[in-house]
PDB file of N, CA and C in Angstrom:
ATOM      1  N   UNK A   1      -0.138  16.635  11.167  1.00  0.00           N
ATOM      2  CA  UNK A   1       0.533  15.382  11.527  1.00  0.00           C
ATOM      3  C   UNK A   1       1.612  15.109  10.563  1.00  0.00           C
ATOM      4  N   UNK A   2       2.750  14.644  11.045  1.00  0.00           N
ATOM      5  CA  UNK A   2       3.912  14.347  10.147  1.00  0.00           C
ATOM      6  C   UNK A   2       3.767  12.902   9.701  1.00  0.00           C
ATOM      7  N   UNK A   3       3.974  12.657   8.474  1.00  0.00           N
ATOM      8  CA  UNK A   3       3.934  11.350   7.861  1.00  0.00           C
ATOM      9  C   UNK A   3       5.229  11.035   7.226  1.00  0.00           C
ATOM     10  N   UNK A   4       5.758   9.833   7.534  1.00  0.00           N
ATOM     11  CA  UNK A   4       7.067   9.400   6.977  1.00  0.00           C
ATOM     12  C   UNK A   4       6.794   8.717   5.659  1.00  0.00           C
ATOM     13  N   UNK A   5       7.420   9.228   4.627  1.00  0.00           N
ATOM     14  CA  UNK A   5       7.373   8.588   3.248  1.00  0.00           C
ATOM     15  C   UNK A   5       8.780   8.572   2.683  1.00  0.00           C
ATOM     16  N   UNK A   6       9.605   7.919   3.355  1.00  0.00           N
ATOM     17  CA  UNK A   6      11.069   7.965   3.027  1.00  0.00           C
ATOM     18  C   UNK A   6      11.566   6.892   2.170  1.00  0.00           C
ATOM     19  N   UNK A   7      12.502   7.181   1.302  1.00  0.00           N
ATOM     20  CA  UNK A   7      13.249   6.187   0.533  1.00  0.00           C
ATOM     21  C   UNK A   7      14.666   6.447   0.852  1.00  0.00           C
ATOM     22  N   UNK A   8      15.433   5.369   1.153  1.00  0.00           N
ATOM     23  CA  UNK A   8      16.856   5.577   1.535  1.00  0.00           C
ATOM     24  C   UNK A   8      17.705   5.244   0.396  1.00  0.00           C
ATOM     25  N   UNK A   9      18.634   6.143   0.054  1.00  0.00           N
ATOM     26  CA  UNK A   9      19.762   5.897  -0.867  1.00  0.00           C
ATOM     27  C   UNK A   9      20.867   5.515  -0.018  1.00  0.00           C
ATOM     28  N   UNK A  10      21.636   4.547  -0.449  1.00  0.00           N
ATOM     29  CA  UNK A  10      22.642   3.933   0.393  1.00  0.00           C
ATOM     30  C   UNK A  10      24.090   4.174  -0.130  1.00  0.00           C
ATOM     31  N   UNK A  11      24.943   4.700   0.762  1.00  0.00           N
ATOM     32  CA  UNK A  11      26.351   4.766   0.472  1.00  0.00           C
ATOM     33  C   UNK A  11      27.103   4.486   1.754  1.00  0.00           C
ATOM     34  N   UNK A  12      26.851   3.258   2.284  1.00  0.00           N
ATOM     35  CA  UNK A  12      27.235   2.965   3.674  1.00  0.00           C
ATOM     36  C   UNK A  12      28.231   1.787   3.688  1.00  0.00           C
ATOM     37  N   UNK A  13      29.242   1.969   4.534  1.00  0.00           N
ATOM     38  CA  UNK A  13      30.105   0.863   4.953  1.00  0.00           C
ATOM     39  C   UNK A  13      29.371   0.154   6.074  1.00  0.00           C
ATOM     40  N   UNK A  14      29.847  -0.968   6.528  1.00  0.00           N
ATOM     41  CA  UNK A  14      29.220  -1.703   7.636  1.00  0.00           C
ATOM     42  C   UNK A  14      29.091  -0.842   8.819  1.00  0.00           C
ATOM     43  N   UNK A  15      28.007  -0.940   9.498  1.00  0.00           N
ATOM     44  CA  UNK A  15      27.804  -0.049  10.718  1.00  0.00           C
ATOM     45  C   UNK A  15      27.332  -0.916  11.929  1.00  0.00           C
ATOM     46  N   UNK A  16      27.848  -0.542  13.048  1.00  0.00           N
ATOM     47  CA  UNK A  16      27.426  -1.128  14.248  1.00  0.00           C
ATOM     48  C   UNK A  16      27.744  -0.155  15.393  1.00  0.00           C
ATOM     49  N   UNK A  17      27.199  -0.321  16.535  1.00  0.00           N
ATOM     50  CA  UNK A  17      27.525   0.624  17.645  1.00  0.00           C
ATOM     51  C   UNK A  17      28.961   0.380  18.055  1.00  0.00           C
ATOM     52  N   UNK A  18      29.484  -0.775  17.914  1.00  0.00           N
ATOM     53  CA  UNK A  18      30.927  -0.984  18.275  1.00  0.00           C
ATOM     54  C   UNK A  18      31.770  -0.231  17.266  1.00  0.00           C
ATOM     55  N   UNK A  19      31.360  -0.089  16.061  1.00  0.00           N
ATOM     56  CA  UNK A  19      32.073   0.734  15.056  1.00  0.00           C
ATOM     57  C   UNK A  19      32.062   2.185  15.478  1.00  0.00           C
ATOM     58  N   UNK A  20      30.940   2.622  15.960  1.00  0.00           N
ATOM     59  CA  UNK A  20      30.881   4.033  16.445  1.00  0.00           C
ATOM     60  C   UNK A  20      31.898   4.222  17.565  1.00  0.00           C
ATOM     61  N   UNK A  21      31.973   3.291  18.487  1.00  0.00           N
ATOM     62  CA  UNK A  21      32.909   3.411  19.576  1.00  0.00           C
ATOM     63  C   UNK A  21      34.320   3.399  19.082  1.00  0.00           C
ATOM     64  N   UNK A  22      34.643   2.626  18.014  1.00  0.00           N
ATOM     65  CA  UNK A  22      35.974   2.611  17.489  1.00  0.00           C
ATOM     66  C   UNK A  22      36.250   3.742  16.546  1.00  0.00           C
ATOM     67  N   UNK A  23      35.253   4.464  16.185  1.00  0.00           N
ATOM     68  CA  UNK A  23      35.481   5.615  15.382  1.00  0.00           C
ATOM     69  C   UNK A  23      35.672   5.301  13.933  1.00  0.00           C
ATOM     70  N   UNK A  24      35.112   4.190  13.427  1.00  0.00           N
ATOM     71  CA  UNK A  24      35.325   3.843  12.000  1.00  0.00           C
ATOM     72  C   UNK A  24      34.003   3.769  11.303  1.00  0.00           C
ATOM     73  N   UNK A  25      33.167   4.747  11.499  1.00  0.00           N
ATOM     74  CA  UNK A  25      31.823   4.730  10.864  1.00  0.00           C
ATOM     75  C   UNK A  25      31.750   5.673   9.683  1.00  0.00           C
ATOM     76  N   UNK A  26      31.345   5.169   8.538  1.00  0.00           N
ATOM     77  CA  UNK A  26      31.025   6.016   7.426  1.00  0.00           C
ATOM     78  C   UNK A  26      29.536   5.730   7.052  1.00  0.00           C
ATOM     79  N   UNK A  27      28.716   6.680   7.252  1.00  0.00           N
ATOM     80  CA  UNK A  27      27.272   6.509   7.044  1.00  0.00           C
ATOM     81  C   UNK A  27      26.764   7.636   6.174  1.00  0.00           C
ATOM     82  N   UNK A  28      26.003   7.320   5.163  1.00  0.00           N
ATOM     83  CA  UNK A  28      25.288   8.358   4.385  1.00  0.00           C
ATOM     84  C   UNK A  28      24.019   7.718   3.859  1.00  0.00           C
ATOM     85  N   UNK A  29      22.912   8.367   4.037  1.00  0.00           N
ATOM     86  CA  UNK A  29      21.664   7.880   3.509  1.00  0.00           C
ATOM     87  C   UNK A  29      20.779   9.061   3.322  1.00  0.00           C
ATOM     88  N   UNK A  30      19.643   8.876   2.661  1.00  0.00           N
ATOM     89  CA  UNK A  30      18.710   9.969   2.451  1.00  0.00           C
ATOM     90  C   UNK A  30      17.322   9.546   2.916  1.00  0.00           C
ATOM     91  N   UNK A  31      16.502  10.542   3.165  1.00  0.00           N
ATOM     92  CA  UNK A  31      15.131  10.227   3.576  1.00  0.00           C
ATOM     93  C   UNK A  31      14.304  11.429   3.172  1.00  0.00           C
ATOM     94  N   UNK A  32      13.013  11.270   3.405  1.00  0.00           N
ATOM     95  CA  UNK A  32      12.086  12.350   3.167  1.00  0.00           C
ATOM     96  C   UNK A  32      10.898  12.161   4.103  1.00  0.00           C
ATOM     97  N   UNK A  33      10.351  13.276   4.507  1.00  0.00           N
ATOM     98  CA  UNK A  33       9.176  13.240   5.421  1.00  0.00           C
ATOM     99  C   UNK A  33       8.159  14.246   4.912  1.00  0.00           C
ATOM    100  N   UNK A  34       6.928  13.840   4.855  1.00  0.00           N
ATOM    101  CA  UNK A  34       5.819  14.739   4.535  1.00  0.00           C
ATOM    102  C   UNK A  34       5.313  15.418   5.782  1.00  0.00           C
ATOM    103  N   UNK A  35       5.142  16.733   5.750  1.00  0.00           N
ATOM    104  CA  UNK A  35       4.569  17.468   6.889  1.00  0.00           C
ATOM    105  C   UNK A  35       3.408  18.304   6.349  1.00  0.00           C
ATOM    106  N   UNK A  36       2.399  18.496   7.119  1.00  0.00           N
ATOM    107  CA  UNK A  36       1.190  19.213   6.713  1.00  0.00           C
ATOM    108  C   UNK A  36       1.258  20.611   7.215  1.00  0.00           C
ATOM    109  N   UNK A  37       2.099  21.466   6.556  1.00  0.00           N
ATOM    110  CA  UNK A  37       2.152  22.869   6.815  1.00  0.00           C
ATOM    111  C   UNK A  37       2.388  23.660   5.624  1.00  0.00           C
ATOM    112  N   UNK A  38       2.123  24.993   5.623  1.00  0.00           N
ATOM    113  CA  UNK A  38       2.441  25.778   4.434  1.00  0.00           C
ATOM    114  C   UNK A  38       3.881  26.042   4.353  1.00  0.00           C
ATOM    115  N   UNK A  39       4.602  26.119   5.498  1.00  0.00           N
ATOM    116  CA  UNK A  39       6.044  26.152   5.540  1.00  0.00           C
ATOM    117  C   UNK A  39       6.481  24.937   6.233  1.00  0.00           C
ATOM    118  N   UNK A  40       6.896  23.887   5.498  1.00  0.00           N
ATOM    119  CA  UNK A  40       7.214  22.602   6.101  1.00  0.00           C
ATOM    120  C   UNK A  40       8.345  22.685   7.111  1.00  0.00           C
ATOM    121  N   UNK A  41       8.176  22.100   8.294  1.00  0.00           N
ATOM    122  CA  UNK A  41       9.269  22.039   9.229  1.00  0.00           C
ATOM    123  C   UNK A  41       9.071  20.662  10.015  1.00  0.00           C
ATOM    124  N   UNK A  42      10.146  20.047  10.229  1.00  0.00           N
ATOM    125  CA  UNK A  42      10.157  18.737  10.925  1.00  0.00           C
ATOM    126  C   UNK A  42      10.595  19.055  12.334  1.00  0.00           C
ATOM    127  N   UNK A  43       9.831  18.599  13.362  1.00  0.00           N
ATOM    128  CA  UNK A  43      10.171  18.774  14.774  1.00  0.00           C
ATOM    129  C   UNK A  43      11.430  18.045  15.131  1.00  0.00           C
ATOM    130  N   UNK A  44      12.105  18.552  16.162  1.00  0.00           N
ATOM    131  CA  UNK A  44      13.374  17.939  16.597  1.00  0.00           C
ATOM    132  C   UNK A  44      13.206  16.504  16.937  1.00  0.00           C
ATOM    133  N   UNK A  45      12.033  16.144  17.586  1.00  0.00           N
ATOM    134  CA  UNK A  45      11.780  14.760  18.025  1.00  0.00           C
ATOM    135  C   UNK A  45      11.499  13.800  16.799  1.00  0.00           C
ATOM    136  N   UNK A  46      10.766  14.306  15.853  1.00  0.00           N
ATOM    137  CA  UNK A  46      10.446  13.510  14.676  1.00  0.00           C
ATOM    138  C   UNK A  46      11.728  13.399  13.860  1.00  0.00           C
ATOM    139  N   UNK A  47      12.558  14.403  13.771  1.00  0.00           N
ATOM    140  CA  UNK A  47      13.775  14.340  13.048  1.00  0.00           C
ATOM    141  C   UNK A  47      14.695  13.342  13.629  1.00  0.00           C
ATOM    142  N   UNK A  48      14.823  13.345  14.984  1.00  0.00           N
ATOM    143  CA  UNK A  48      15.709  12.373  15.669  1.00  0.00           C
ATOM    144  C   UNK A  48      15.176  10.960  15.420  1.00  0.00           C
ATOM    145  N   UNK A  49      13.922  10.730  15.478  1.00  0.00           N
ATOM    146  CA  UNK A  49      13.369   9.457  15.246  1.00  0.00           C
ATOM    147  C   UNK A  49      13.591   8.904  13.802  1.00  0.00           C
ATOM    148  N   UNK A  50      13.394   9.872  12.899  1.00  0.00           N
ATOM    149  CA  UNK A  50      13.600   9.546  11.441  1.00  0.00           C
ATOM    150  C   UNK A  50      15.028   9.217  11.183  1.00  0.00           C
ATOM    151  N   UNK A  51      15.926   9.995  11.653  1.00  0.00           N
ATOM    152  CA  UNK A  51      17.386   9.804  11.450  1.00  0.00           C
ATOM    153  C   UNK A  51      17.753   8.402  12.040  1.00  0.00           C
ATOM    154  N   UNK A  52      17.338   8.075  13.277  1.00  0.00           N
ATOM    155  CA  UNK A  52      17.621   6.743  13.852  1.00  0.00           C
ATOM    156  C   UNK A  52      17.113   5.676  13.092  1.00  0.00           C
ATOM    157  N   UNK A  53      15.868   5.749  12.615  1.00  0.00           N
ATOM    158  CA  UNK A  53      15.193   4.761  11.811  1.00  0.00           C
ATOM    159  C   UNK A  53      15.943   4.517  10.429  1.00  0.00           C
ATOM    160  N   UNK A  54      16.299   5.627   9.821  1.00  0.00           N
ATOM    161  CA  UNK A  54      17.010   5.523   8.501  1.00  0.00           C
ATOM    162  C   UNK A  54      18.379   4.882   8.704  1.00  0.00           C
ATOM    163  N   UNK A  55      19.134   5.237   9.736  1.00  0.00           N
ATOM    164  CA  UNK A  55      20.464   4.639  10.032  1.00  0.00           C
ATOM    165  C   UNK A  55      20.256   3.197  10.312  1.00  0.00           C
ATOM    166  N   UNK A  56      19.265   2.803  11.086  1.00  0.00           N
ATOM    167  CA  UNK A  56      19.066   1.341  11.321  1.00  0.00           C
ATOM    168  C   UNK A  56      18.678   0.555  10.135  1.00  0.00           C
ATOM    169  N   UNK A  57      17.813   1.164   9.336  1.00  0.00           N
ATOM    170  CA  UNK A  57      17.356   0.491   8.119  1.00  0.00           C
ATOM    171  C   UNK A  57      18.467   0.449   7.090  1.00  0.00           C
ATOM    172  N   UNK A  58      19.312   1.372   6.942  1.00  0.00           N
ATOM    173  CA  UNK A  58      20.401   1.391   6.025  1.00  0.00           C
ATOM    174  C   UNK A  58      21.489   0.412   6.398  1.00  0.00           C
ATOM    175  N   UNK A  59      21.718   0.287   7.662  1.00  0.00           N
ATOM    176  CA  UNK A  59      22.864  -0.550   8.145  1.00  0.00           C
ATOM    177  C   UNK A  59      22.417  -1.910   8.599  1.00  0.00           C
ATOM    178  N   UNK A  60      21.161  -2.179   8.852  1.00  0.00           N
ATOM    179  CA  UNK A  60      20.721  -3.430   9.315  1.00  0.00           C
ATOM    180  C   UNK A  60      21.037  -3.639  10.823  1.00  0.00           C
ATOM    181  N   UNK A  61      21.339  -2.585  11.594  1.00  0.00           N
ATOM    182  CA  UNK A  61      21.705  -2.605  12.988  1.00  0.00           C
ATOM    183  C   UNK A  61      20.490  -2.063  13.722  1.00  0.00           C
ATOM    184  N   UNK A  62      20.509  -2.355  15.106  1.00  0.00           N
ATOM    185  CA  UNK A  62      19.408  -1.830  15.928  1.00  0.00           C
ATOM    186  C   UNK A  62      19.368  -0.289  15.853  1.00  0.00           C
ATOM    187  N   UNK A  63      18.162   0.301  16.068  1.00  0.00           N
ATOM    188  CA  UNK A  63      17.931   1.698  16.019  1.00  0.00           C
ATOM    189  C   UNK A  63      18.826   2.384  17.112  1.00  0.00           C
ATOM    190  N   UNK A  64      19.700   3.301  16.752  1.00  0.00           N
ATOM    191  CA  UNK A  64      20.593   3.977  17.702  1.00  0.00           C
ATOM    192  C   UNK A  64      19.839   5.119  18.460  1.00  0.00           C
ATOM    193  N   UNK A  65      20.395   5.579  19.493  1.00  0.00           N
ATOM    194  CA  UNK A  65      19.901   6.706  20.264  1.00  0.00           C
ATOM    195  C   UNK A  65      20.324   7.988  19.569  1.00  0.00           C
ATOM    196  N   UNK A  66      19.438   8.771  19.017  1.00  0.00           N
ATOM    197  CA  UNK A  66      19.809  10.040  18.338  1.00  0.00           C
ATOM    198  C   UNK A  66      19.068  11.144  18.925  1.00  0.00           C
ATOM    199  N   UNK A  67      19.788  12.279  19.153  1.00  0.00           N
ATOM    200  CA  UNK A  67      19.133  13.461  19.707  1.00  0.00           C
ATOM    201  C   UNK A  67      19.431  14.599  18.725  1.00  0.00           C
ATOM    202  N   UNK A  68      18.387  15.384  18.409  1.00  0.00           N
ATOM    203  CA  UNK A  68      18.572  16.555  17.528  1.00  0.00           C
ATOM    204  C   UNK A  68      18.121  17.750  18.331  1.00  0.00           C
ATOM    205  N   UNK A  69      19.028  18.795  18.498  1.00  0.00           N
ATOM    206  CA  UNK A  69      18.688  19.988  19.287  1.00  0.00           C
ATOM    207  C   UNK A  69      17.664  20.880  18.779  1.00  0.00           C
ATOM    208  N   UNK A  70      17.458  20.730  17.434  1.00  0.00           N
ATOM    209  CA  UNK A  70      16.426  21.648  16.760  1.00  0.00           C
ATOM    210  C   UNK A  70      15.779  20.861  15.641  1.00  0.00           C
ATOM    211  N   UNK A  71      14.636  21.407  15.236  1.00  0.00           N
ATOM    212  CA  UNK A  71      13.921  20.854  14.067  1.00  0.00           C
ATOM    213  C   UNK A  71      14.633  21.201  12.807  1.00  0.00           C
ATOM    214  N   UNK A  72      14.057  20.739  11.693  1.00  0.00           N
ATOM    215  CA  UNK A  72      14.587  21.023  10.396  1.00  0.00           C
ATOM    216  C   UNK A  72      13.566  21.701   9.567  1.00  0.00           C
ATOM    217  N   UNK A  73      13.861  22.982   9.168  1.00  0.00           N
ATOM    218  CA  UNK A  73      12.963  23.713   8.320  1.00  0.00           C
ATOM    219  C   UNK A  73      13.172  23.298   6.875  1.00  0.00           C
ATOM    220  N   UNK A  74      12.044  23.191   6.114  1.00  0.00           N
ATOM    221  CA  UNK A  74      12.071  22.720   4.789  1.00  0.00           C
ATOM    222  C   UNK A  74      12.501  23.739   3.778  1.00  0.00           C
ATOM    223  N   UNK A  75      13.812  24.116   3.766  1.00  0.00           N
ATOM    224  CA  UNK A  75      14.380  24.994   2.829  1.00  0.00           C
ATOM    225  C   UNK A  75      15.694  24.379   2.317  1.00  0.00           C
ATOM    226  N   UNK A  76      15.812  24.208   0.993  1.00  0.00           N
ATOM    227  CA  UNK A  76      16.942  23.640   0.351  1.00  0.00           C
ATOM    228  C   UNK A  76      18.185  24.195   0.919  1.00  0.00           C
ATOM    229  N   UNK A  77      19.111  23.307   1.310  1.00  0.00           N
ATOM    230  CA  UNK A  77      20.470  23.744   1.884  1.00  0.00           C
ATOM    231  C   UNK A  77      20.497  23.839   3.355  1.00  0.00           C
ATOM    232  N   UNK A  78      19.299  23.888   4.030  1.00  0.00           N
ATOM    233  CA  UNK A  78      19.289  23.951   5.500  1.00  0.00           C
ATOM    234  C   UNK A  78      20.037  22.724   6.026  1.00  0.00           C
ATOM    235  N   UNK A  79      20.812  22.869   7.072  1.00  0.00           N
ATOM    236  CA  UNK A  79      21.553  21.849   7.731  1.00  0.00           C
ATOM    237  C   UNK A  79      21.347  21.879   9.220  1.00  0.00           C
ATOM    238  N   UNK A  80      21.149  20.762   9.843  1.00  0.00           N
ATOM    239  CA  UNK A  80      21.116  20.701  11.278  1.00  0.00           C
ATOM    240  C   UNK A  80      22.023  19.586  11.722  1.00  0.00           C
ATOM    241  N   UNK A  81      22.538  19.558  12.932  1.00  0.00           N
ATOM    242  CA  UNK A  81      23.341  18.555  13.425  1.00  0.00           C
ATOM    243  C   UNK A  81      22.619  17.775  14.543  1.00  0.00           C
ATOM    244  N   UNK A  82      22.783  16.499  14.596  1.00  0.00           N
ATOM    245  CA  UNK A  82      22.243  15.629  15.620  1.00  0.00           C
ATOM    246  C   UNK A  82      23.405  14.847  16.198  1.00  0.00           C
ATOM    247  N   UNK A  83      23.197  14.182  17.284  1.00  0.00           N
ATOM    248  CA  UNK A  83      24.117  13.365  17.915  1.00  0.00           C
ATOM    249  C   UNK A  83      23.695  11.938  18.116  1.00  0.00           C
ATOM    250  N   UNK A  84      24.445  11.002  17.768  1.00  0.00           N
ATOM    251  CA  UNK A  84      24.166   9.597  17.980  1.00  0.00           C
ATOM    252  C   UNK A  84      25.038   9.123  19.145  1.00  0.00           C
ATOM    253  N   UNK A  85      24.438   8.518  20.100  1.00  0.00           N
ATOM    254  CA  UNK A  85      25.132   7.975  21.261  1.00  0.00           C
ATOM    255  C   UNK A  85      25.131   6.445  21.295  1.00  0.00           C
ATOM    256  N   UNK A  86      26.311   5.866  21.293  1.00  0.00           N
ATOM    257  CA  UNK A  86      26.443   4.475  21.362  1.00  0.00           C
ATOM    258  C   UNK A  86      26.241   3.861  22.743  1.00  0.00           C
ATOM    259  N   UNK A  87      26.103   2.595  22.843  1.00  0.00           N
ATOM    260  CA  UNK A  87      25.910   1.928  24.128  1.00  0.00           C
ATOM    261  C   UNK A  87      26.941   2.170  25.143  1.00  0.00           C
ATOM    262  N   UNK A  88      28.187   2.371  24.622  1.00  0.00           N
ATOM    263  CA  UNK A  88      29.348   2.575  25.592  1.00  0.00           C
ATOM    264  C   UNK A  88      29.450   4.030  25.929  1.00  0.00           C
ATOM    265  N   UNK A  89      28.574   4.954  25.458  1.00  0.00           N
ATOM    266  CA  UNK A  89      28.612   6.335  25.774  1.00  0.00           C
ATOM    267  C   UNK A  89      29.351   7.177  24.830  1.00  0.00           C
ATOM    268  N   UNK A  90      30.052   6.587  23.780  1.00  0.00           N
ATOM    269  CA  UNK A  90      30.760   7.409  22.748  1.00  0.00           C
ATOM    270  C   UNK A  90      29.639   8.028  21.877  1.00  0.00           C
ATOM    271  N   UNK A  91      30.035   9.119  21.289  1.00  0.00           N
ATOM    272  CA  UNK A  91      29.055   9.892  20.494  1.00  0.00           C
ATOM    273  C   UNK A  91      29.606  10.092  19.067  1.00  0.00           C
ATOM    274  N   UNK A  92      28.648  10.297  18.145  1.00  0.00           N
ATOM    275  CA  UNK A  92      29.035  10.587  16.737  1.00  0.00           C
ATOM    276  C   UNK A  92      28.100  11.669  16.217  1.00  0.00           C
ATOM    277  N   UNK A  93      28.650  12.665  15.661  1.00  0.00           N
ATOM    278  CA  UNK A  93      27.853  13.756  15.015  1.00  0.00           C
ATOM    279  C   UNK A  93      27.206  13.259  13.759  1.00  0.00           C
ATOM    280  N   UNK A  94      26.042  13.793  13.446  1.00  0.00           N
ATOM    281  CA  UNK A  94      25.329  13.378  12.241  1.00  0.00           C
ATOM    282  C   UNK A  94      24.771  14.728  11.639  1.00  0.00           C
ATOM    283  N   UNK A  95      25.041  15.030  10.339  1.00  0.00           N
ATOM    284  CA  UNK A  95      24.581  16.134   9.688  1.00  0.00           C
ATOM    285  C   UNK A  95      23.345  15.739   8.800  1.00  0.00           C
ATOM    286  N   UNK A  96      22.296  16.605   8.870  1.00  0.00           N
ATOM    287  CA  UNK A  96      21.091  16.402   8.100  1.00  0.00           C
ATOM    288  C   UNK A  96      20.878  17.592   7.228  1.00  0.00           C
ATOM    289  N   UNK A  97      20.902  17.404   5.862  1.00  0.00           N
ATOM    290  CA  UNK A  97      20.859  18.514   4.910  1.00  0.00           C
ATOM    291  C   UNK A  97      19.598  18.396   4.058  1.00  0.00           C
ATOM    292  N   UNK A  98      18.837  19.497   3.917  1.00  0.00           N
ATOM    293  CA  UNK A  98      17.672  19.437   3.061  1.00  0.00           C
ATOM    294  C   UNK A  98      18.144  19.487   1.643  1.00  0.00           C
ATOM    295  N   UNK A  99      17.698  18.502   0.808  1.00  0.00           N
ATOM    296  CA  UNK A  99      18.052  18.472  -0.589  1.00  0.00           C
ATOM    297  C   UNK A  99      16.989  18.983  -1.503  1.00  0.00           C
ATOM    298  N   UNK A 100      15.747  18.852  -1.118  1.00  0.00           N
ATOM    299  CA  UNK A 100      14.629  19.388  -1.889  1.00  0.00           C
ATOM    300  C   UNK A 100      13.400  19.404  -1.013  1.00  0.00           C
ATOM    301  N   UNK A 101      12.485  20.241  -1.460  1.00  0.00           N
ATOM    302  CA  UNK A 101      11.175  20.328  -0.821  1.00  0.00           C
ATOM    303  C   UNK A 101      10.089  20.302  -1.938  1.00  0.00           C
ATOM    304  N   UNK A 102       9.214  19.374  -1.905  1.00  0.00           N
ATOM    305  CA  UNK A 102       8.184  19.281  -2.902  1.00  0.00           C
ATOM    306  C   UNK A 102       6.831  19.284  -2.134  1.00  0.00           C
ATOM    307  N   UNK A 103       6.110  20.419  -2.232  1.00  0.00           N
ATOM    308  CA  UNK A 103       4.871  20.651  -1.463  1.00  0.00           C
ATOM    309  C   UNK A 103       5.169  20.478   0.005  1.00  0.00           C
ATOM    310  N   UNK A 104       4.571  19.456   0.658  1.00  0.00           N
ATOM    311  CA  UNK A 104       4.790  19.296   2.115  1.00  0.00           C
ATOM    312  C   UNK A 104       5.829  18.174   2.391  1.00  0.00           C
ATOM    313  N   UNK A 105       6.639  17.802   1.420  1.00  0.00           N
ATOM    314  CA  UNK A 105       7.575  16.700   1.612  1.00  0.00           C
ATOM    315  C   UNK A 105       8.998  17.268   1.589  1.00  0.00           C
ATOM    316  N   UNK A 106       9.729  17.024   2.744  1.00  0.00           N
ATOM    317  CA  UNK A 106      11.073  17.492   2.910  1.00  0.00           C
ATOM    318  C   UNK A 106      11.989  16.294   2.607  1.00  0.00           C
ATOM    319  N   UNK A 107      12.852  16.446   1.632  1.00  0.00           N
ATOM    320  CA  UNK A 107      13.832  15.366   1.262  1.00  0.00           C
ATOM    321  C   UNK A 107      15.198  15.800   1.828  1.00  0.00           C
ATOM    322  N   UNK A 108      15.899  14.884   2.416  1.00  0.00           N
ATOM    323  CA  UNK A 108      17.180  15.226   3.125  1.00  0.00           C
ATOM    324  C   UNK A 108      18.124  14.114   3.025  1.00  0.00           C
ATOM    325  N   UNK A 109      19.406  14.482   3.175  1.00  0.00           N
ATOM    326  CA  UNK A 109      20.558  13.539   3.252  1.00  0.00           C
ATOM    327  C   UNK A 109      21.042  13.494   4.687  1.00  0.00           C
ATOM    328  N   UNK A 110      21.384  12.316   5.098  1.00  0.00           N
ATOM    329  CA  UNK A 110      21.914  12.061   6.453  1.00  0.00           C
ATOM    330  C   UNK A 110      23.402  11.570   6.284  1.00  0.00           C
ATOM    331  N   UNK A 111      24.285  12.314   6.942  1.00  0.00           N
ATOM    332  CA  UNK A 111      25.726  11.909   6.873  1.00  0.00           C
ATOM    333  C   UNK A 111      26.336  11.941   8.254  1.00  0.00           C
ATOM    334  N   UNK A 112      26.901  10.827   8.611  1.00  0.00           N
ATOM    335  CA  UNK A 112      27.556  10.709   9.934  1.00  0.00           C
ATOM    336  C   UNK A 112      28.985  11.152   9.792  1.00  0.00           C
ATOM    337  N   UNK A 113      29.553  11.738  10.849  1.00  0.00           N
ATOM    338  CA  UNK A 113      30.965  12.110  10.882  1.00  0.00           C
ATOM    339  C   UNK A 113      31.823  10.833  10.682  1.00  0.00           C
ATOM    340  N   UNK A 114      33.077  11.041  10.273  1.00  0.00           N
ATOM    341  CA  UNK A 114      34.004   9.949  10.102  1.00  0.00           C
ATOM    342  C   UNK A 114      34.490   9.290  11.381  1.00  0.00           C
ATOM    343  N   UNK A 115      34.557  10.090  12.509  1.00  0.00           N
ATOM    344  CA  UNK A 115      35.091   9.528  13.754  1.00  0.00           C
ATOM    345  C   UNK A 115      34.135   9.879  14.913  1.00  0.00           C
ATOM    346  N   UNK A 116      34.202   8.984  15.859  1.00  0.00           N
ATOM    347  CA  UNK A 116      33.295   9.152  17.112  1.00  0.00           C
ATOM    348  C   UNK A 116      34.200   9.895  18.203  1.00  0.00           C
ATOM    349  N   UNK A 117      33.481  10.508  19.100  1.00  0.00           N
ATOM    350  CA  UNK A 117      34.119  11.021  20.340  1.00  0.00           C
ATOM    351  C   UNK A 117      33.996   9.989  21.465  1.00  0.00           C
ATOM    352  N   UNK A 118      35.084   9.782  22.185  1.00  0.00           N
ATOM    353  CA  UNK A 118      34.987   8.752  23.233  1.00  0.00           C
ATOM    354  C   UNK A 118      34.027   9.155  24.316  1.00  0.00           C
ATOM    355  N   UNK A 119      33.589   8.180  25.075  1.00  0.00           N
ATOM    356  CA  UNK A 119      32.652   8.394  26.226  1.00  0.00           C
ATOM    357  C   UNK A 119      33.349   9.261  27.263  1.00  0.00           C
ATOM    358  N   UNK A 120      32.600  10.065  27.878  1.00  0.00           N
ATOM    359  CA  UNK A 120      33.149  10.895  29.056  1.00  0.00           C
ATOM    360  C   UNK A 120      32.885  10.061  30.302  1.00  0.00           C
ATOM    361  N   UNK A 121      33.814  10.090  31.184  1.00  0.00           N
ATOM    362  CA  UNK A 121      33.661   9.327  32.457  1.00  0.00           C
ATOM    363  C   UNK A 121      33.001  10.156  33.541  1.00  0.00           C
TER     364      UNK A 121
END
């Protein structure tokens, strides 16, 4: 079972879904998750949930819709990309990078891209 034991470091400008749509989002935060495996790996669903929760907690905004196409293996330097979708359909890329692994705890940084992609019609 995966247990969330995250602490967020904050280097964030104001964030809102309208800011995503406008392409003026600068988000960076960190988190960590404990997993009960000999080779820690965070599933794509748990990663997406954790990223959304961290972004919401860091910015004080509602939890965004985040999708991660793959899980995150607990090896320092591993990077995966997730996508945040705003209410208007615009999207923003989010990078998740493993910064350290201590036993079953994966520590990672979350960084959103500087600009959003407009909604497709």
